[in-house]
C-alpha atoms as a PDB file:
ATOM      1  CA  MET A   1      79.085  -3.509  32.325  1.00  0.00           C
ATOM      2  CA  ASN A   2      79.078  -6.398  34.843  1.00  0.00           C
ATOM      3  CA  VAL A   3      81.848  -9.006  34.988  1.00  0.00           C
ATOM      4  CA  ARG A   4      81.169 -12.650  35.858  1.00  0.00           C
ATOM      5  CA  ARG A   5      83.956 -15.171  35.646  1.00  0.00           C
ATOM      6  CA  HIS A   6      83.291 -17.558  38.503  1.00  0.00           C
ATOM      7  CA  LEU A   7      82.398 -20.529  36.259  1.00  0.00           C
ATOM      8  CA  ILE A   8      85.601 -20.242  34.225  1.00  0.00           C
ATOM      9  CA  PRO A   9      88.735 -21.717  35.810  1.00  0.00           C
ATOM     10  CA  THR A  10      91.555 -19.224  36.428  1.00  0.00           C
ATOM     11  CA  ALA A  11      93.951 -21.042  34.098  1.00  0.00           C
ATOM     12  CA  LEU A  12      91.416 -21.036  31.277  1.00  0.00           C
ATOM     13  CA  ALA A  13      90.626 -17.376  31.871  1.00  0.00           C
ATOM     14  CA  SER A  14      94.317 -16.572  31.627  1.00  0.00           C
ATOM     15  CA  ALA A  15      94.713 -18.615  28.456  1.00  0.00           C
ATOM     16  CA  LEU A  16      91.769 -16.850  26.858  1.00  0.00           C
ATOM     17  CA  GLY A  17      93.025 -13.438  27.891  1.00  0.00           C
ATOM     18  CA  ILE A  18      89.724 -12.596  29.509  1.00  0.00           C
ATOM     19  CA  GLY A  19      91.352  -9.860  31.562  1.00  0.00           C
ATOM     20  CA  ALA A  20      91.991  -8.008  28.324  1.00  0.00           C
ATOM     21  CA  LEU A  21      88.390  -8.129  27.133  1.00  0.00           C
ATOM     22  CA  THR A  22      87.491  -4.457  27.198  1.00  0.00           C
ATOM     23  CA  ALA A  23      85.287  -2.127  25.230  1.00  0.00           C
ATOM     24  CA  CYS A  24      88.188  -1.221  22.970  1.00  0.00           C
ATOM     25  CA  SER A  25      88.682  -4.824  21.848  1.00  0.00           C
ATOM     26  CA  SER A  26      88.303  -5.330  18.106  1.00  0.00           C
ATOM     27  CA  ASP A  27      87.278  -8.969  18.552  1.00  0.00           C
ATOM     28  CA  SER A  28      83.503  -9.216  18.228  1.00  0.00           C
ATOM     29  CA  ALA A  29      83.502 -12.388  20.314  1.00  0.00           C
ATOM     30  CA  ALA A  30      85.127 -10.459  23.169  1.00  0.00           C
ATOM     31  CA  SER A  31      82.633  -7.658  23.390  1.00  0.00           C
ATOM     32  CA  GLY A  32      81.495  -8.077  26.980  1.00  0.00           C
ATOM     33  CA  ASN A  33      82.476  -5.966  29.976  1.00  0.00           C
ATOM     34  CA  THR A  34      81.856  -2.624  28.263  1.00  0.00           C
ATOM     35  CA  GLU A  35      80.370   0.489  29.810  1.00  0.00           C
ATOM     36  CA  LYS A  36      77.087  -0.271  28.059  1.00  0.00           C
ATOM     37  CA  PHE A  37      74.452  -2.917  28.782  1.00  0.00           C
ATOM     38  CA  ASP A  38      76.116  -5.946  27.203  1.00  0.00           C
ATOM     39  CA  VAL A  39      73.693  -8.368  25.555  1.00  0.00           C
ATOM     40  CA  VAL A  40      74.647 -11.637  23.875  1.00  0.00           C
ATOM     41  CA  ALA A  41      71.921 -12.780  21.459  1.00  0.00           C
ATOM     42  CA  SER A  42      71.678 -16.298  20.080  1.00  0.00           C
ATOM     43  CA  PHE A  43      70.926 -15.408  16.441  1.00  0.00           C
ATOM     44  CA  TYR A  44      69.638 -12.619  14.206  1.00  0.00           C
ATOM     45  CA  PRO A  45      65.963 -12.288  15.281  1.00  0.00           C
ATOM     46  CA  MET A  46      67.053 -12.044  18.916  1.00  0.00           C
ATOM     47  CA  ALA A  47      69.911  -9.656  18.112  1.00  0.00           C
ATOM     48  CA  PHE A  48      67.535  -7.432  16.138  1.00  0.00           C
ATOM     49  CA  LEU A  49      65.181  -7.161  19.109  1.00  0.00           C
ATOM     50  CA  ALA A  50      68.058  -6.354  21.452  1.00  0.00           C
ATOM     51  CA  GLU A  51      69.399  -3.660  19.121  1.00  0.00           C
ATOM     52  CA  GLN A  52      66.003  -2.056  18.551  1.00  0.00           C
ATOM     53  CA  ILE A  53      65.064  -2.044  22.219  1.00  0.00           C
ATOM     54  CA  GLY A  54      68.519  -1.393  23.663  1.00  0.00           C
ATOM     55  CA  GLY A  55      69.275   1.503  21.344  1.00  0.00           C
ATOM     56  CA  ASP A  56      72.299   3.560  22.323  1.00  0.00           C
ATOM     57  CA  HIS A  57      72.494   1.952  25.758  1.00  0.00           C
ATOM     58  CA  ALA A  58      73.113  -1.629  24.623  1.00  0.00           C
ATOM     59  CA  ASN A  59      76.131  -3.374  23.186  1.00  0.00           C
ATOM     60  CA  VAL A  60      74.700  -6.344  21.267  1.00  0.00           C
ATOM     61  CA  THR A  61      76.589  -9.286  19.803  1.00  0.00           C
ATOM     62  CA  SER A  62      75.284 -12.477  18.198  1.00  0.00           C
ATOM     63  CA  LEU A  63      76.571 -16.006  18.712  1.00  0.00           C
ATOM     64  CA  THR A  64      75.519 -16.857  15.145  1.00  0.00           C
ATOM     65  CA  GLU A  65      77.552 -15.190  12.414  1.00  0.00           C
ATOM     66  CA  PRO A  66      75.853 -13.735   9.287  1.00  0.00           C
ATOM     67  CA  GLY A  67      75.369 -16.531   6.778  1.00  0.00           C
ATOM     68  CA  GLN A  68      75.685 -19.279   9.383  1.00  0.00           C
ATOM     69  CA  GLU A  69      72.769 -21.711   9.615  1.00  0.00           C
ATOM     70  CA  PRO A  70      71.655 -21.257  13.251  1.00  0.00           C
ATOM     71  CA  HIS A  71      70.074 -24.656  13.931  1.00  0.00           C
ATOM     72  CA  ASP A  72      73.435 -26.431  13.955  1.00  0.00           C
ATOM     73  CA  LEU A  73      75.443 -23.807  15.845  1.00  0.00           C
ATOM     74  CA  GLU A  74      78.186 -25.097  18.137  1.00  0.00           C
ATOM     75  CA  VAL A  75      79.200 -22.689  20.912  1.00  0.00           C
ATOM     76  CA  SER A  76      82.967 -22.162  21.071  1.00  0.00           C
ATOM     77  CA  THR A  77      85.059 -21.702  24.216  1.00  0.00           C
ATOM     78  CA  LYS A  78      85.514 -18.049  23.286  1.00  0.00           C
ATOM     79  CA  GLN A  79      81.753 -17.599  22.983  1.00  0.00           C
ATOM     80  CA  ARG A  80      81.215 -19.210  26.368  1.00  0.00           C
ATOM     81  CA  ALA A  81      83.639 -16.665  27.797  1.00  0.00           C
ATOM     82  CA  GLN A  82      81.693 -13.941  26.008  1.00  0.00           C
ATOM     83  CA  LEU A  83      78.501 -15.127  27.701  1.00  0.00           C
ATOM     84  CA  GLU A  84      80.188 -14.959  31.104  1.00  0.00           C
ATOM     85  CA  GLU A  85      81.166 -11.331  30.468  1.00  0.00           C
ATOM     86  CA  ALA A  86      77.681 -10.240  29.371  1.00  0.00           C
ATOM     87  CA  ASP A  87      74.949  -8.561  31.381  1.00  0.00           C
ATOM     88  CA  ALA A  88      72.173 -10.461  29.615  1.00  0.00           C
ATOM     89  CA  ALA A  89      71.652 -13.399  27.276  1.00  0.00           C
ATOM     90  CA  LEU A  90      68.717 -13.333  24.856  1.00  0.00           C
ATOM     91  CA  TYR A  91      67.925 -16.655  23.206  1.00  0.00           C
ATOM     92  CA  LEU A  92      65.047 -18.828  22.006  1.00  0.00           C
ATOM     93  CA  LYS A  93      65.026 -22.135  23.821  1.00  0.00           C
ATOM     94  CA  GLY A  94      64.474 -25.144  21.588  1.00  0.00           C
ATOM     95  CA  LEU A  95      65.982 -23.720  18.404  1.00  0.00           C
ATOM     96  CA  GLN A  96      69.689 -24.076  19.184  1.00  0.00           C
ATOM     97  CA  PRO A  97      70.430 -26.844  21.709  1.00  0.00           C
ATOM     98  CA  ALA A  98      74.083 -25.809  22.076  1.00  0.00           C
ATOM     99  CA  VAL A  99      73.036 -22.286  23.043  1.00  0.00           C
ATOM    100  CA  ASP A 100      70.466 -23.591  25.531  1.00  0.00           C
ATOM    101  CA  GLU A 101      73.185 -25.644  27.203  1.00  0.00           C
ATOM    102  CA  ALA A 102      75.761 -22.842  27.207  1.00  0.00           C
ATOM    103  CA  VAL A 103      73.366 -20.278  28.669  1.00  0.00           C
ATOM    104  CA  GLY A 104      72.238 -22.741  31.307  1.00  0.00           C
ATOM    105  CA  GLN A 105      75.818 -23.295  32.444  1.00  0.00           C
ATOM    106  CA  THR A 106      76.717 -19.619  32.817  1.00  0.00           C
ATOM    107  CA  GLY A 107      76.394 -17.477  35.903  1.00  0.00           C
ATOM    108  CA  ILE A 108      74.839 -14.659  33.905  1.00  0.00           C
ATOM    109  CA  LYS A 109      72.130 -12.946  35.958  1.00  0.00           C
ATOM    110  CA  THR A 110      69.661 -12.006  33.221  1.00  0.00           C
ATOM    111  CA  LYS A 111      68.686 -14.925  30.988  1.00  0.00           C
ATOM    112  CA  ILE A 112      65.860 -14.014  28.637  1.00  0.00           C
ATOM    113  CA  ASP A 113      64.198 -16.979  26.925  1.00  0.00           C
ATOM    114  CA  ALA A 114      62.025 -15.650  24.093  1.00  0.00           C
ATOM    115  CA  ALA A 115      60.093 -18.925  23.999  1.00  0.00           C
ATOM    116  CA  GLY A 116      58.740 -18.071  27.441  1.00  0.00           C
ATOM    117  CA  LEU A 117      57.483 -14.656  26.341  1.00  0.00           C
ATOM    118  CA  THR A 118      54.825 -15.974  23.949  1.00  0.00           C
ATOM    119  CA  THR A 119      53.002 -19.250  23.362  1.00  0.00           C
ATOM    120  CA  LEU A 120      54.745 -21.877  21.258  1.00  0.00           C
ATOM    121  CA  GLU A 121      52.391 -24.045  19.238  1.00  0.00           C
ATOM    122  CA  ASP A 122      52.347 -27.493  17.695  1.00  0.00           C
ATOM    123  CA  HIS A 123      51.798 -27.083  13.988  1.00  0.00           C
ATOM    124  CA  GLY A 124      51.184 -30.747  13.385  1.00  0.00           C
ATOM    125  CA  ASN A 125      53.029 -33.422  11.507  1.00  0.00           C
ATOM    126  CA  THR A 126      55.563 -31.411   9.526  1.00  0.00           C
ATOM    127  CA  GLU A 127      57.950 -34.279   8.812  1.00  0.00           C
ATOM    128  CA  HIS A 128      55.617 -36.492   6.821  1.00  0.00           C
ATOM    129  CA  SER A 129      58.144 -39.170   5.982  1.00  0.00           C
ATOM    130  CA  HIS A 130      58.368 -40.838   9.396  1.00  0.00           C
ATOM    131  CA  GLU A 131      56.850 -38.928  12.318  1.00  0.00           C
ATOM    132  CA  GLY A 132      53.440 -40.410  11.688  1.00  0.00           C
ATOM    133  CA  GLU A 133      54.781 -43.921  11.914  1.00  0.00           C
ATOM    134  CA  GLU A 134      56.282 -43.182  15.319  1.00  0.00           C
ATOM    135  CA  GLY A 135      53.096 -41.518  16.479  1.00  0.00           C
ATOM    136  CA  HIS A 136      51.126 -44.721  15.843  1.00  0.00           C
ATOM    137  CA  ALA A 137      53.291 -46.807  18.157  1.00  0.00           C
ATOM    138  CA  GLU A 138      51.050 -45.903  21.078  1.00  0.00           C
ATOM    139  CA  GLU A 139      49.754 -49.434  21.590  1.00  0.00           C
ATOM    140  CA  GLU A 140      53.158 -50.701  22.678  1.00  0.00           C
ATOM    141  CA  GLY A 141      54.341 -49.933  26.226  1.00  0.00           C
ATOM    142  CA  HIS A 142      57.923 -48.749  25.732  1.00  0.00           C
ATOM    143  CA  ALA A 143      57.273 -47.607  22.169  1.00  0.00           C
ATOM    144  CA  GLU A 144      54.515 -45.361  23.474  1.00  0.00           C
ATOM    145  CA  GLU A 145      56.919 -43.659  25.877  1.00  0.00           C
ATOM    146  CA  GLU A 146      59.513 -43.121  23.163  1.00  0.00           C
ATOM    147  CA  GLY A 147      56.929 -41.784  20.723  1.00  0.00           C
ATOM    148  CA  HIS A 148      55.583 -39.396  23.352  1.00  0.00           C
ATOM    149  CA  ALA A 149      59.079 -38.184  24.220  1.00  0.00           C
ATOM    150  CA  GLU A 150      59.871 -37.490  20.591  1.00  0.00           C
ATOM    151  CA  GLU A 151      56.554 -35.688  20.152  1.00  0.00           C
ATOM    152  CA  GLU A 152      57.308 -33.492  23.150  1.00  0.00           C
ATOM    153  CA  GLU A 153      60.782 -32.727  21.815  1.00  0.00           C
ATOM    154  CA  HIS A 154      59.761 -31.798  18.290  1.00  0.00           C
ATOM    155  CA  ALA A 155      56.150 -30.628  18.499  1.00  0.00           C
ATOM    156  CA  ARG A 156      56.672 -27.004  19.499  1.00  0.00           C
ATOM    157  CA  ASP A 157      57.553 -24.728  16.610  1.00  0.00           C
ATOM    158  CA  PRO A 158      60.152 -22.090  17.613  1.00  0.00           C
ATOM    159  CA  HIS A 159      59.808 -19.805  14.540  1.00  0.00           C
ATOM    160  CA  VAL A 160      57.692 -17.173  16.316  1.00  0.00           C
ATOM    161  CA  TRP A 161      59.515 -14.176  14.827  1.00  0.00           C
ATOM    162  CA  LEU A 162      57.887 -14.804  11.431  1.00  0.00           C
ATOM    163  CA  ASP A 163      54.529 -13.834  12.936  1.00  0.00           C
ATOM    164  CA  PRO A 164      54.664 -10.076  13.616  1.00  0.00           C
ATOM    165  CA  VAL A 165      52.059 -10.399  16.373  1.00  0.00           C
ATOM    166  CA  LYS A 166      53.992 -13.032  18.297  1.00  0.00           C
ATOM    167  CA  TYR A 167      57.259 -11.214  17.656  1.00  0.00           C
ATOM    168  CA  ALA A 168      55.671  -8.113  19.198  1.00  0.00           C
ATOM    169  CA  GLU A 169      54.734 -10.168  22.270  1.00  0.00           C
ATOM    170  CA  VAL A 170      58.363 -11.268  22.574  1.00  0.00           C
ATOM    171  CA  ALA A 171      59.537  -7.675  22.090  1.00  0.00           C
ATOM    172  CA  GLU A 172      57.354  -6.480  24.976  1.00  0.00           C
ATOM    173  CA  GLY A 173      58.787  -9.180  27.235  1.00  0.00           C
ATOM    174  CA  VAL A 174      62.356  -8.343  26.243  1.00  0.00           C
ATOM    175  CA  GLY A 175      61.706  -4.664  26.913  1.00  0.00           C
ATOM    176  CA  LYS A 176      60.470  -5.404  30.438  1.00  0.00           C
ATOM    177  CA  ALA A 177      63.511  -7.615  31.080  1.00  0.00           C
ATOM    178  CA  PHE A 178      65.854  -4.835  29.927  1.00  0.00           C
ATOM    179  CA  GLU A 179      64.065  -2.318  32.169  1.00  0.00           C
ATOM    180  CA  LYS A 180      64.526  -4.595  35.179  1.00  0.00           C
ATOM    181  CA  ALA A 181      68.157  -5.466  34.415  1.00  0.00           C
ATOM    182  CA  ASP A 182      69.251  -1.890  33.624  1.00  0.00           C
ATOM    183  CA  PRO A 183      66.839   0.401  35.501  1.00  0.00           C
ATOM    184  CA  ASP A 184      68.908   3.529  34.869  1.00  0.00           C
ATOM    185  CA  HIS A 185      67.737   3.441  31.241  1.00  0.00           C
ATOM    186  CA  ALA A 186      64.298   1.909  31.781  1.00  0.00           C
ATOM    187  CA  ALA A 187      62.425   4.866  30.304  1.00  0.00           C
ATOM    188  CA  ASP A 188      64.338   4.624  27.032  1.00  0.00           C
ATOM    189  CA  TYR A 189      63.824   0.864  26.823  1.00  0.00           C
ATOM    190  CA  LYS A 190      60.094   1.345  27.342  1.00  0.00           C
ATOM    191  CA  LYS A 191      59.974   4.018  24.625  1.00  0.00           C
ATOM    192  CA  ASN A 192      62.008   1.920  22.173  1.00  0.00           C
ATOM    193  CA  THR A 193      59.849  -1.140  22.809  1.00  0.00           C
ATOM    194  CA  ALA A 194      56.664   0.814  22.139  1.00  0.00           C
ATOM    195  CA  ALA A 195      58.085   2.116  18.846  1.00  0.00           C
ATOM    196  CA  LEU A 196      59.103  -1.386  17.761  1.00  0.00           C
ATOM    197  CA  VAL A 197      55.740  -2.883  18.671  1.00  0.00           C
ATOM    198  CA  LYS A 198      53.984  -0.189  16.624  1.00  0.00           C
ATOM    199  CA  LYS A 199      56.097  -1.046  13.574  1.00  0.00           C
ATOM    200  CA  LEU A 200      55.321  -4.730  14.053  1.00  0.00           C
ATOM    201  CA  ASN A 201      51.602  -3.965  14.307  1.00  0.00           C
ATOM    202  CA  ASP A 202      51.846  -1.988  11.060  1.00  0.00           C
ATOM    203  CA  LEU A 203      53.635  -4.923   9.426  1.00  0.00           C
ATOM    204  CA  ASN A 204      50.874  -7.240  10.603  1.00  0.00           C
ATOM    205  CA  ALA A 205      48.317  -4.947   8.970  1.00  0.00           C
ATOM    206  CA  ASP A 206      50.301  -5.030   5.705  1.00  0.00           C
ATOM    207  CA  PHE A 207      50.230  -8.841   5.705  1.00  0.00           C
ATOM    208  CA  GLU A 208      46.539  -8.991   6.589  1.00  0.00           C
ATOM    209  CA  ASN A 209      45.599  -6.642   3.771  1.00  0.00           C
ATOM    210  CA  GLY A 210      48.039  -8.129   1.290  1.00  0.00           C
ATOM    211  CA  LEU A 211      47.003 -11.762   1.750  1.00  0.00           C
ATOM    212  CA  LYS A 212      43.265 -11.556   2.413  1.00  0.00           C
ATOM    213  CA  ASP A 213      42.227 -12.147  -1.225  1.00  0.00           C
ATOM    214  CA  THR A 214      44.317 -14.736  -3.080  1.00  0.00           C
ATOM    215  CA  LYS A 215      43.654 -17.431  -5.692  1.00  0.00           C
ATOM    216  CA  THR A 216      45.204 -20.150  -3.527  1.00  0.00           C
ATOM    217  CA  LYS A 217      46.001 -20.389   0.166  1.00  0.00           C
ATOM    218  CA  VAL A 218      48.682 -23.084  -0.128  1.00  0.00           C
ATOM    219  CA  PHE A 219      52.398 -22.460  -0.434  1.00  0.00           C
ATOM    220  CA  PHE A 220      55.393 -24.818  -0.533  1.00  0.00           C
ATOM    221  CA  THR A 221      58.520 -24.103   1.504  1.00  0.00           C
ATOM    222  CA  ASN A 222      61.926 -25.681   1.893  1.00  0.00           C
ATOM    223  CA  HIS A 223      61.463 -26.247   5.641  1.00  0.00           C
ATOM    224  CA  ALA A 224      58.602 -25.763   8.061  1.00  0.00           C
ATOM    225  CA  ALA A 225      59.508 -22.300   9.328  1.00  0.00           C
ATOM    226  CA  PHE A 226      56.317 -20.481   8.356  1.00  0.00           C
ATOM    227  CA  GLY A 227      53.670 -22.227  10.435  1.00  0.00           C
ATOM    228  CA  TYR A 228      52.893 -19.190  12.580  1.00  0.00           C
ATOM    229  CA  LEU A 229      52.755 -16.882   9.566  1.00  0.00           C
ATOM    230  CA  ALA A 230      50.451 -19.293   7.735  1.00  0.00           C
ATOM    231  CA  GLU A 231      48.146 -19.641  10.730  1.00  0.00           C
ATOM    232  CA  ARG A 232      48.019 -15.880  11.303  1.00  0.00           C
ATOM    233  CA  TYR A 233      46.914 -15.085   7.732  1.00  0.00           C
ATOM    234  CA  GLY A 234      44.750 -18.082   6.908  1.00  0.00           C
ATOM    235  CA  LEU A 235      47.279 -19.879   4.714  1.00  0.00           C
ATOM    236  CA  THR A 236      48.529 -23.461   4.536  1.00  0.00           C
ATOM    237  CA  GLN A 237      52.243 -24.178   4.626  1.00  0.00           C
ATOM    238  CA  GLU A 238      53.446 -27.423   3.051  1.00  0.00           C
ATOM    239  CA  ALA A 239      57.102 -28.059   3.818  1.00  0.00           C
ATOM    240  CA  ILE A 240      59.472 -30.272   1.867  1.00  0.00           C
ATOM    241  CA  SER A 241      61.416 -30.905   5.070  1.00  0.00           C
ATOM    242  CA  GLY A 242      60.351 -30.556   8.686  1.00  0.00           C
ATOM    243  CA  LEU A 243      61.435 -28.015  11.270  1.00  0.00           C
ATOM    244  CA  ASP A 244      65.052 -29.016  10.607  1.00  0.00           C
ATOM    245  CA  PRO A 245      66.102 -27.504   7.250  1.00  0.00           C
ATOM    246  CA  GLU A 246      68.783 -30.165   6.745  1.00  0.00           C
ATOM    247  CA  SER A 247      66.415 -33.162   6.986  1.00  0.00           C
ATOM    248  CA  GLU A 248      65.855 -35.083   3.778  1.00  0.00           C
ATOM    249  CA  PRO A 249      62.286 -35.638   2.538  1.00  0.00           C
ATOM    250  CA  SER A 250      61.150 -39.090   1.528  1.00  0.00           C
ATOM    251  CA  ALA A 251      60.233 -40.006  -2.045  1.00  0.00           C
ATOM    252  CA  ALA A 252      56.649 -40.424  -0.863  1.00  0.00           C
ATOM    253  CA  ARG A 253      56.649 -36.857   0.466  1.00  0.00           C
ATOM    254  CA  ILE A 254      57.876 -35.517  -2.883  1.00  0.00           C
ATOM    255  CA  ARG A 255      55.124 -37.414  -4.734  1.00  0.00           C
ATOM    256  CA  GLU A 256      52.557 -36.094  -2.276  1.00  0.00           C
ATOM    257  CA  LEU A 257      53.646 -32.503  -2.917  1.00  0.00           C
ATOM    258  CA  GLN A 258      53.532 -32.982  -6.680  1.00  0.00           C
ATOM    259  CA  GLN A 259      49.935 -34.176  -6.426  1.00  0.00           C
ATOM    260  CA  GLU A 260      48.977 -31.389  -4.054  1.00  0.00           C
ATOM    261  CA  ALA A 261      50.440 -28.740  -6.337  1.00  0.00           C
ATOM    262  CA  LYS A 262      47.957 -29.747  -9.026  1.00  0.00           C
ATOM    263  CA  ALA A 263      45.015 -30.028  -6.648  1.00  0.00           C
ATOM    264  CA  ASP A 264      45.536 -26.694  -4.891  1.00  0.00           C
ATOM    265  CA  GLY A 265      46.808 -24.525  -7.716  1.00  0.00           C
ATOM    266  CA  VAL A 266      50.275 -24.088  -6.229  1.00  0.00           C
ATOM    267  CA  THR A 267      52.527 -22.108  -8.564  1.00  0.00           C
ATOM    268  CA  THR A 268      55.779 -21.743  -6.645  1.00  0.00           C
ATOM    269  CA  VAL A 269      58.233 -23.675  -4.511  1.00  0.00           C
ATOM    270  CA  PHE A 270      60.006 -21.385  -2.059  1.00  0.00           C
ATOM    271  CA  TYR A 271      63.601 -21.939  -1.020  1.00  0.00           C
ATOM    272  CA  GLU A 272      65.961 -20.127   1.366  1.00  0.00           C
ATOM    273  CA  THR A 273      69.270 -18.309   1.275  1.00  0.00           C
ATOM    274  CA  LEU A 274      71.064 -20.144   4.110  1.00  0.00           C
ATOM    275  CA  VAL A 275      70.392 -23.773   3.124  1.00  0.00           C
ATOM    276  CA  SER A 276      70.667 -25.794  -0.080  1.00  0.00           C
ATOM    277  CA  ASP A 277      68.001 -25.115  -2.703  1.00  0.00           C
ATOM    278  CA  LYS A 278      68.656 -28.385  -4.560  1.00  0.00           C
ATOM    279  CA  THR A 279      65.585 -30.320  -3.378  1.00  0.00           C
ATOM    280  CA  ALA A 280      63.247 -27.342  -3.807  1.00  0.00           C
ATOM    281  CA  LYS A 281      64.431 -26.724  -7.363  1.00  0.00           C
ATOM    282  CA  THR A 282      64.224 -30.425  -8.234  1.00  0.00           C
ATOM    283  CA  LEU A 283      60.621 -30.562  -7.004  1.00  0.00           C
ATOM    284  CA  ALA A 284      59.786 -27.396  -8.934  1.00  0.00           C
ATOM    285  CA  ARG A 285      61.313 -28.767 -12.134  1.00  0.00           C
ATOM    286  CA  ASP A 286      59.547 -32.122 -11.892  1.00  0.00           C
ATOM    287  CA  ALA A 287      56.189 -30.516 -11.035  1.00  0.00           C
ATOM    288  CA  LYS A 288      56.651 -27.690 -13.555  1.00  0.00           C
ATOM    289  CA  LEU A 289      56.470 -24.990 -10.869  1.00  0.00           C
ATOM    290  CA  LYS A 290      58.293 -21.704 -10.397  1.00  0.00           C
ATOM    291  CA  THR A 291      60.825 -21.040  -7.648  1.00  0.00           C
ATOM    292  CA  ASP A 292      61.341 -18.007  -5.444  1.00  0.00           C
ATOM    293  CA  VAL A 293      62.868 -17.039  -2.094  1.00  0.00           C
ATOM    294  CA  LEU A 294      60.851 -16.965   1.118  1.00  0.00           C
ATOM    295  CA  ASP A 295      63.322 -15.933   3.767  1.00  0.00           C
ATOM    296  CA  PRO A 296      62.925 -17.411   7.283  1.00  0.00           C
ATOM    297  CA  LEU A 297      65.059 -14.516   8.542  1.00  0.00           C
ATOM    298  CA  GLU A 298      67.464 -16.637  10.522  1.00  0.00           C
ATOM    299  CA  GLY A 299      70.273 -14.366   9.376  1.00  0.00           C
ATOM    300  CA  ILE A 300      70.951 -11.369   7.114  1.00  0.00           C
ATOM    301  CA  THR A 301      73.511 -11.770   4.326  1.00  0.00           C
ATOM    302  CA  ASP A 302      74.358 -10.128   0.997  1.00  0.00           C
ATOM    303  CA  LYS A 303      71.786 -12.458  -0.575  1.00  0.00           C
ATOM    304  CA  SER A 304      68.977 -11.225   1.668  1.00  0.00           C
ATOM    305  CA  ARG A 305      66.265  -9.100   0.059  1.00  0.00           C
ATOM    306  CA  GLY A 306      66.743  -6.292   2.519  1.00  0.00           C
ATOM    307  CA  ASP A 307      69.047  -5.027   5.225  1.00  0.00           C
ATOM    308  CA  ASP A 308      66.917  -5.782   8.277  1.00  0.00           C
ATOM    309  CA  TYR A 309      63.899  -7.671   9.584  1.00  0.00           C
ATOM    310  CA  PHE A 310      61.281  -5.273   8.258  1.00  0.00           C
ATOM    311  CA  GLN A 311      62.712  -5.005   4.748  1.00  0.00           C
ATOM    312  CA  VAL A 312      63.001  -8.776   4.384  1.00  0.00           C
ATOM    313  CA  MET A 313      59.502  -9.357   5.740  1.00  0.00           C
ATOM    314  CA  GLU A 314      58.100  -6.895   3.193  1.00  0.00           C
ATOM    315  CA  ALA A 315      59.992  -8.811   0.498  1.00  0.00           C
ATOM    316  CA  ASN A 316      58.453 -12.037   1.815  1.00  0.00           C
ATOM    317  CA  LEU A 317      55.001 -10.474   1.582  1.00  0.00           C
ATOM    318  CA  LYS A 318      55.611  -9.453  -2.017  1.00  0.00           C
ATOM    319  CA  ALA A 319      56.805 -12.969  -2.902  1.00  0.00           C
ATOM    320  CA  LEU A 320      53.777 -14.565  -1.232  1.00  0.00           C
ATOM    321  CA  ARG A 321      51.354 -12.219  -2.980  1.00  0.00           C
ATOM    322  CA  THR A 322      52.827 -13.156  -6.349  1.00  0.00           C
ATOM    323  CA  ALA A 323      52.897 -16.906  -5.654  1.00  0.00           C
ATOM    324  CA  LEU A 324      49.377 -17.015  -4.196  1.00  0.00           C
ATOM    325  CA  GLY A 325      47.834 -14.841  -6.891  1.00  0.00           C
ATOM    326  CA  ALA A 326      46.809 -11.950  -4.657  1.00  0.00           C
ATOM    327  CA  LYS A 327      44.270  -9.549  -6.134  1.00  0.00           C
END
């Protein structure tokens, strides 16, 4: 729709063949500059919002490929060019540092940060192995500054899409941004946003009803992605790792979880489809617990229990009901 190349040197633009990036291109990374409202989304939950709200008027592409773990994404030169060609970038600041940097460096007019459309929260000390030690360095001058800086960097949980209520808040903000950026189709964006928010409200009701009466309120996860979901429905998430799914838990953390499983009647250790399940299955074996999938919905693959956000969230609800002993 709109073309912006002023941050890309002419020689680089020529080498990348940017002049040939048209709507008929078969390269998904070269999907900008079409007749539609071109949106580049950072990863699946953002792409899903853009597709649902944009409808027939939007051409949506994702920087994160299906099956790719989004936290560690590196933005390629081709993807940077794609961002320059787009009409809007939709991302969630704090989840993918490389995306934050790339979006910040582009001349794209409409930059939609989902983290600014709702309230991010601190869900406490999720990385039990060492964050607490750093937090207690407050007595020392320089150590206090470093501890505070690390707390500021890691405290806010970005996984808002796993709470249907917060995801609906983000959806409403995205809809308004689309209306402003592409006013010719504002009425359709408003209508599509309202329909999406209604479905998210219905999903919230399903979770409320499905999880209100359970034998236990504690569930174990591979990484701390479900803090908002747990808070919304009165549950307690205990994560093997922290917010980073690749971080390794300490031996003390594993022993702590084994003891807690007995104390709180935990039956199941949940793992994910996009990261290794080795630690989760080892904990389950040693503690004599079951295993199951609780999908953080960072991407849809052939292993996902559903084809889109709503189907996978319903599968998550079913898995939680079973693990928590819902009546």
